[in-house]
C-alpha atoms as a PDB file:
ATOM      1  CA  MET A   1      55.332 -80.362-108.477  1.00  0.00           C
ATOM      2  CA  ALA A   2      52.519 -80.758-105.966  1.00  0.00           C
ATOM      3  CA  SER A   3      53.885 -77.884-103.865  1.00  0.00           C
ATOM      4  CA  THR A   4      53.979 -75.643-106.949  1.00  0.00           C
ATOM      5  CA  PHE A   5      50.397 -76.574-107.737  1.00  0.00           C
ATOM      6  CA  LEU A   6      49.290 -75.783-104.141  1.00  0.00           C
ATOM      7  CA  THR A   7      51.098 -72.465-104.285  1.00  0.00           C
ATOM      8  CA  MET A   8      49.291 -71.566-107.516  1.00  0.00           C
ATOM      9  CA  ILE A   9      45.927 -72.511-105.981  1.00  0.00           C
ATOM     10  CA  ARG A  10      46.637 -70.390-102.880  1.00  0.00           C
ATOM     11  CA  THR A  11      47.703 -67.462-105.021  1.00  0.00           C
ATOM     12  CA  GLY A  12      44.584 -67.825-107.160  1.00  0.00           C
ATOM     13  CA  LEU A  13      42.323 -67.960-104.111  1.00  0.00           C
ATOM     14  CA  VAL A  14      43.969 -64.857-102.671  1.00  0.00           C
ATOM     15  CA  LEU A  15      43.481 -63.018-105.980  1.00  0.00           C
ATOM     16  CA  VAL A  16      39.822 -64.071-106.199  1.00  0.00           C
ATOM     17  CA  ALA A  17      39.190 -62.952-102.608  1.00  0.00           C
ATOM     18  CA  PHE A  18      40.954 -59.642-103.256  1.00  0.00           C
ATOM     19  CA  THR A  19      38.912 -59.099-106.445  1.00  0.00           C
ATOM     20  CA  ILE A  20      35.658 -59.775-104.584  1.00  0.00           C
ATOM     21  CA  LEU A  21      36.614 -57.351-101.814  1.00  0.00           C
ATOM     22  CA  VAL A  22      37.649 -54.592-104.204  1.00  0.00           C
ATOM     23  CA  SER A  23      34.551 -55.002-106.392  1.00  0.00           C
ATOM     24  CA  GLY A  24      32.390 -54.292-103.339  1.00  0.00           C
ATOM     25  CA  CYS A  25      33.959 -50.854-103.100  1.00  0.00           C
ATOM     26  CA  ALA A  26      32.447 -49.507-106.288  1.00  0.00           C
ATOM     27  CA  TYR A  27      31.611 -45.787-106.185  1.00  0.00           C
ATOM     28  CA  THR A  28      28.085 -44.835-107.139  1.00  0.00           C
ATOM     29  CA  PRO A  29      27.478 -41.078-107.356  1.00  0.00           C
ATOM     30  CA  LYS A  30      24.262 -39.918-105.696  1.00  0.00           C
ATOM     31  CA  ASP A  31      21.951 -37.075-106.542  1.00  0.00           C
ATOM     32  CA  PRO A  32      22.793 -34.328-103.970  1.00  0.00           C
ATOM     33  CA  ARG A  33      19.140 -33.293-103.766  1.00  0.00           C
ATOM     34  CA  THR A  34      18.126 -36.754-102.500  1.00  0.00           C
ATOM     35  CA  ASP A  35      21.155 -37.526-100.322  1.00  0.00           C
ATOM     36  CA  ASP A  36      20.152 -36.774 -96.699  1.00  0.00           C
ATOM     37  CA  LYS A  37      23.720 -36.840 -95.413  1.00  0.00           C
ATOM     38  CA  ASN A  38      25.082 -34.327 -97.905  1.00  0.00           C
ATOM     39  CA  ASP A  39      25.374 -30.752 -96.571  1.00  0.00           C
ATOM     40  CA  ASN A  40      25.381 -28.543 -99.641  1.00  0.00           C
ATOM     41  CA  GLU A  41      23.280 -25.819-101.224  1.00  0.00           C
ATOM     42  CA  TYR A  42      20.199 -28.106-101.375  1.00  0.00           C
ATOM     43  CA  THR A  43      20.070 -28.611 -97.590  1.00  0.00           C
ATOM     44  CA  ASP A  44      17.214 -26.883 -95.803  1.00  0.00           C
ATOM     45  CA  TYR A  45      18.973 -25.693 -92.649  1.00  0.00           C
ATOM     46  CA  SER A  46      15.741 -24.520 -91.035  1.00  0.00           C
ATOM     47  CA  LYS A  47      14.696 -28.175 -90.552  1.00  0.00           C
ATOM     48  CA  ARG A  48      17.975 -29.318 -88.988  1.00  0.00           C
ATOM     49  CA  LYS A  49      18.147 -30.295 -85.348  1.00  0.00           C
ATOM     50  CA  THR A  50      21.012 -28.624 -83.496  1.00  0.00           C
ATOM     51  CA  VAL A  51      22.541 -28.696 -80.061  1.00  0.00           C
ATOM     52  CA  PHE A  52      21.184 -25.210 -79.347  1.00  0.00           C
ATOM     53  CA  GLY A  53      17.572 -26.025 -80.266  1.00  0.00           C
ATOM     54  CA  GLY A  54      15.350 -24.377 -82.834  1.00  0.00           C
ATOM     55  CA  GLY A  55      16.090 -20.823 -81.726  1.00  0.00           C
ATOM     56  CA  GLY A  56      19.853 -21.172 -81.894  1.00  0.00           C
ATOM     57  CA  PHE A  57      22.323 -19.960 -79.290  1.00  0.00           C
ATOM     58  CA  ASN A  58      21.174 -16.967 -77.264  1.00  0.00           C
ATOM     59  CA  LEU A  59      23.307 -16.363 -74.177  1.00  0.00           C
ATOM     60  CA  PHE A  60      21.123 -13.749 -72.482  1.00  0.00           C
ATOM     61  CA  GLY A  61      17.891 -14.400 -74.364  1.00  0.00           C
ATOM     62  CA  THR A  62      14.607 -12.884 -73.260  1.00  0.00           C
ATOM     63  CA  ASP A  63      11.930 -15.097 -74.697  1.00  0.00           C
ATOM     64  CA  SER A  64       8.872 -14.249 -72.587  1.00  0.00           C
ATOM     65  CA  THR A  65       6.899 -17.203 -73.947  1.00  0.00           C
ATOM     66  CA  GLN A  66       9.024 -19.569 -71.882  1.00  0.00           C
ATOM     67  CA  ASP A  67       9.869 -19.415 -68.223  1.00  0.00           C
ATOM     68  CA  SER A  68      13.377 -20.630 -69.013  1.00  0.00           C
ATOM     69  CA  GLY A  69      14.530 -17.182 -70.052  1.00  0.00           C
ATOM     70  CA  GLY A  70      16.682 -18.134 -73.022  1.00  0.00           C
ATOM     71  CA  SER A  71      18.348 -20.862 -75.031  1.00  0.00           C
ATOM     72  CA  LEU A  72      20.975 -22.023 -72.566  1.00  0.00           C
ATOM     73  CA  GLY A  73      21.005 -25.533 -71.220  1.00  0.00           C
ATOM     74  CA  VAL A  74      19.788 -24.045 -67.946  1.00  0.00           C
ATOM     75  CA  ASN A  75      17.686 -21.074 -66.870  1.00  0.00           C
ATOM     76  CA  SER A  76      19.457 -17.946 -68.103  1.00  0.00           C
ATOM     77  CA  PHE A  77      18.148 -15.769 -65.263  1.00  0.00           C
ATOM     78  CA  LEU A  78      19.596 -18.151 -62.673  1.00  0.00           C
ATOM     79  CA  TRP A  79      22.814 -18.347 -64.685  1.00  0.00           C
ATOM     80  CA  ARG A  80      23.246 -14.570 -64.889  1.00  0.00           C
ATOM     81  CA  ALA A  81      22.222 -14.073 -61.263  1.00  0.00           C
ATOM     82  CA  SER A  82      24.722 -16.701 -60.138  1.00  0.00           C
ATOM     83  CA  LEU A  83      27.555 -15.058 -62.046  1.00  0.00           C
ATOM     84  CA  GLU A  84      26.640 -11.596 -60.750  1.00  0.00           C
ATOM     85  CA  THR A  85      26.208 -12.761 -57.141  1.00  0.00           C
ATOM     86  CA  ILE A  86      29.587 -14.486 -56.945  1.00  0.00           C
ATOM     87  CA  SER A  87      31.415 -12.025 -59.201  1.00  0.00           C
ATOM     88  CA  PHE A  88      33.763 -11.033 -56.354  1.00  0.00           C
ATOM     89  CA  MET A  89      35.215 -14.566 -56.364  1.00  0.00           C
ATOM     90  CA  PRO A  90      37.584 -15.885 -59.044  1.00  0.00           C
ATOM     91  CA  ILE A  91      35.782 -18.354 -61.297  1.00  0.00           C
ATOM     92  CA  ASN A  92      37.604 -21.587 -62.048  1.00  0.00           C
ATOM     93  CA  THR A  93      35.007 -23.304 -64.270  1.00  0.00           C
ATOM     94  CA  ALA A  94      31.733 -22.121 -65.786  1.00  0.00           C
ATOM     95  CA  ASP A  95      29.609 -24.454 -67.932  1.00  0.00           C
ATOM     96  CA  ALA A  96      26.450 -22.735 -69.161  1.00  0.00           C
ATOM     97  CA  PHE A  97      24.996 -25.869 -70.714  1.00  0.00           C
ATOM     98  CA  GLY A  98      25.606 -28.115 -67.727  1.00  0.00           C
ATOM     99  CA  GLY A  99      24.737 -25.359 -65.274  1.00  0.00           C
ATOM    100  CA  VAL A 100      27.886 -25.628 -63.178  1.00  0.00           C
ATOM    101  CA  ILE A 101      29.969 -22.771 -61.792  1.00  0.00           C
ATOM    102  CA  ILE A 102      33.012 -23.628 -59.689  1.00  0.00           C
ATOM    103  CA  THR A 103      34.985 -20.841 -58.069  1.00  0.00           C
ATOM    104  CA  ASP A 104      38.592 -20.841 -57.019  1.00  0.00           C
ATOM    105  CA  TRP A 105      39.516 -20.219 -53.391  1.00  0.00           C
ATOM    106  CA  TYR A 106      38.785 -16.689 -52.179  1.00  0.00           C
ATOM    107  CA  SER A 107      40.129 -15.056 -49.021  1.00  0.00           C
ATOM    108  CA  PRO A 108      38.196 -12.040 -47.771  1.00  0.00           C
ATOM    109  CA  PRO A 109      40.467  -9.017 -47.197  1.00  0.00           C
ATOM    110  CA  GLU A 110      39.299  -8.751 -43.576  1.00  0.00           C
ATOM    111  CA  SER A 111      40.338 -12.360 -42.764  1.00  0.00           C
ATOM    112  CA  PRO A 112      43.346 -13.514 -44.833  1.00  0.00           C
ATOM    113  CA  SER A 113      43.726 -16.732 -42.805  1.00  0.00           C
ATOM    114  CA  GLU A 114      40.304 -17.949 -43.989  1.00  0.00           C
ATOM    115  CA  ARG A 115      39.224 -18.865 -47.503  1.00  0.00           C
ATOM    116  CA  PHE A 116      36.055 -20.035 -49.240  1.00  0.00           C
ATOM    117  CA  LYS A 117      35.147 -21.898 -52.389  1.00  0.00           C
ATOM    118  CA  LEU A 118      31.694 -22.281 -54.011  1.00  0.00           C
ATOM    119  CA  ASN A 119      30.167 -24.833 -56.337  1.00  0.00           C
ATOM    120  CA  VAL A 120      26.922 -23.570 -57.895  1.00  0.00           C
ATOM    121  CA  TYR A 121      24.635 -26.036 -59.655  1.00  0.00           C
ATOM    122  CA  ILE A 122      21.680 -24.812 -61.722  1.00  0.00           C
ATOM    123  CA  LEU A 123      19.345 -27.767 -61.902  1.00  0.00           C
ATOM    124  CA  GLY A 124      16.919 -26.947 -64.704  1.00  0.00           C
ATOM    125  CA  ARG A 125      15.487 -24.577 -67.250  1.00  0.00           C
ATOM    126  CA  THR A 126      12.763 -23.095 -65.056  1.00  0.00           C
ATOM    127  CA  LEU A 127      13.095 -20.313 -62.530  1.00  0.00           C
ATOM    128  CA  ARG A 128      12.169 -22.170 -59.346  1.00  0.00           C
ATOM    129  CA  ALA A 129      13.313 -22.042 -55.750  1.00  0.00           C
ATOM    130  CA  ASP A 130      14.634 -25.615 -55.977  1.00  0.00           C
ATOM    131  CA  GLY A 131      16.375 -24.887 -59.300  1.00  0.00           C
ATOM    132  CA  ILE A 132      19.709 -24.031 -57.705  1.00  0.00           C
ATOM    133  CA  LYS A 133      22.070 -25.742 -55.287  1.00  0.00           C
ATOM    134  CA  VAL A 134      25.146 -24.191 -53.735  1.00  0.00           C
ATOM    135  CA  SER A 135      27.953 -26.040 -51.951  1.00  0.00           C
ATOM    136  CA  VAL A 136      30.257 -23.953 -49.764  1.00  0.00           C
ATOM    137  CA  PHE A 137      33.741 -25.042 -48.685  1.00  0.00           C
ATOM    138  CA  ARG A 138      35.856 -23.321 -46.054  1.00  0.00           C
ATOM    139  CA  GLN A 139      39.486 -23.636 -45.024  1.00  0.00           C
ATOM    140  CA  LEU A 140      41.560 -22.039 -42.271  1.00  0.00           C
ATOM    141  CA  LYS A 141      45.309 -21.463 -42.284  1.00  0.00           C
ATOM    142  CA  ASP A 142      47.131 -22.922 -39.290  1.00  0.00           C
ATOM    143  CA  ARG A 143      50.310 -21.535 -37.657  1.00  0.00           C
ATOM    144  CA  GLU A 144      52.563 -23.392 -40.104  1.00  0.00           C
ATOM    145  CA  GLY A 145      50.730 -21.788 -43.042  1.00  0.00           C
ATOM    146  CA  VAL A 146      48.944 -24.997 -44.109  1.00  0.00           C
ATOM    147  CA  TRP A 147      45.303 -24.792 -45.178  1.00  0.00           C
ATOM    148  CA  ALA A 148      42.982 -27.191 -43.351  1.00  0.00           C
ATOM    149  CA  ASP A 149      39.293 -27.890 -43.975  1.00  0.00           C
ATOM    150  CA  ALA A 150      36.919 -26.219 -41.545  1.00  0.00           C
ATOM    151  CA  THR A 151      33.188 -26.328 -40.920  1.00  0.00           C
ATOM    152  CA  VAL A 152      31.010 -23.890 -42.788  1.00  0.00           C
ATOM    153  CA  PRO A 153      28.665 -21.821 -40.599  1.00  0.00           C
ATOM    154  CA  ASN A 154      25.093 -23.135 -40.673  1.00  0.00           C
ATOM    155  CA  GLY A 155      22.865 -21.459 -43.226  1.00  0.00           C
ATOM    156  CA  THR A 156      25.675 -20.165 -45.464  1.00  0.00           C
ATOM    157  CA  ALA A 157      24.700 -22.164 -48.567  1.00  0.00           C
ATOM    158  CA  PRO A 158      20.954 -21.327 -48.279  1.00  0.00           C
ATOM    159  CA  LYS A 159      21.819 -17.621 -47.893  1.00  0.00           C
ATOM    160  CA  VAL A 160      23.846 -17.704 -51.115  1.00  0.00           C
ATOM    161  CA  GLU A 161      21.026 -19.594 -52.862  1.00  0.00           C
ATOM    162  CA  ASP A 162      18.466 -17.038 -51.662  1.00  0.00           C
ATOM    163  CA  SER A 163      20.657 -14.186 -52.867  1.00  0.00           C
ATOM    164  CA  ILE A 164      20.960 -15.788 -56.326  1.00  0.00           C
ATOM    165  CA  LEU A 165      17.208 -16.462 -56.505  1.00  0.00           C
ATOM    166  CA  THR A 166      16.395 -12.867 -55.521  1.00  0.00           C
ATOM    167  CA  LYS A 167      18.749 -11.519 -58.192  1.00  0.00           C
ATOM    168  CA  ALA A 168      17.254 -13.922 -60.791  1.00  0.00           C
ATOM    169  CA  ARG A 169      13.731 -12.738 -60.010  1.00  0.00           C
ATOM    170  CA  ILE A 170      14.840  -9.113 -60.352  1.00  0.00           C
ATOM    171  CA  LEU A 171      16.466  -9.876 -63.741  1.00  0.00           C
ATOM    172  CA  ARG A 172      13.323 -11.641 -64.944  1.00  0.00           C
ATOM    173  CA  HIS A 173      11.124  -8.765 -63.795  1.00  0.00           C
ATOM    174  CA  GLN A 174      13.371  -6.237 -65.557  1.00  0.00           C
ATOM    175  CA  THR A 175      13.181  -8.277 -68.753  1.00  0.00           C
ATOM    176  CA  LEU A 176       9.402  -8.557 -68.671  1.00  0.00           C
ATOM    177  CA  THR A 177       8.825  -4.849 -67.898  1.00  0.00           C
ATOM    178  CA  ALA A 178      11.275  -3.740 -70.586  1.00  0.00           C
ATOM    179  CA  LYS A 179       9.005  -5.088 -73.351  1.00  0.00           C
END
């Protein structure tokens, strides 16, 4: 009889605990005009903060009030100039918001036993000489046909950086004179 009584008490306690838990889940409808988390026809989208900023996404924007040249995560002139400068190479990865362009290996037609790869990093939203960094990798094919890492000639990365910067300045100048 005592075990039956204990079983009834346990069952009662479980039911009371369950009732308390379920009663905490009551649904209270909210006024959609006062609910900040509700995206409906009452939401003022002009006041929302977005990933792309206040101006929205503009891949090749030409906002002359900023030196950034657009609404990308990085300077759009440097981004466009980088893509145009290395357009002869196959692109493996391009992240416009992180400012990273990674090419695949490229062998020049005049030297098929040599290949190059570039990593281009755009470091900010302003058009500055130190706003870009290029890493150059080089490999040579040995007699067995195996690619081996080789040294990159001195000054190769700065030459690519200078070429990108020159192209970016030209793009910026064209944008400003077109207005």
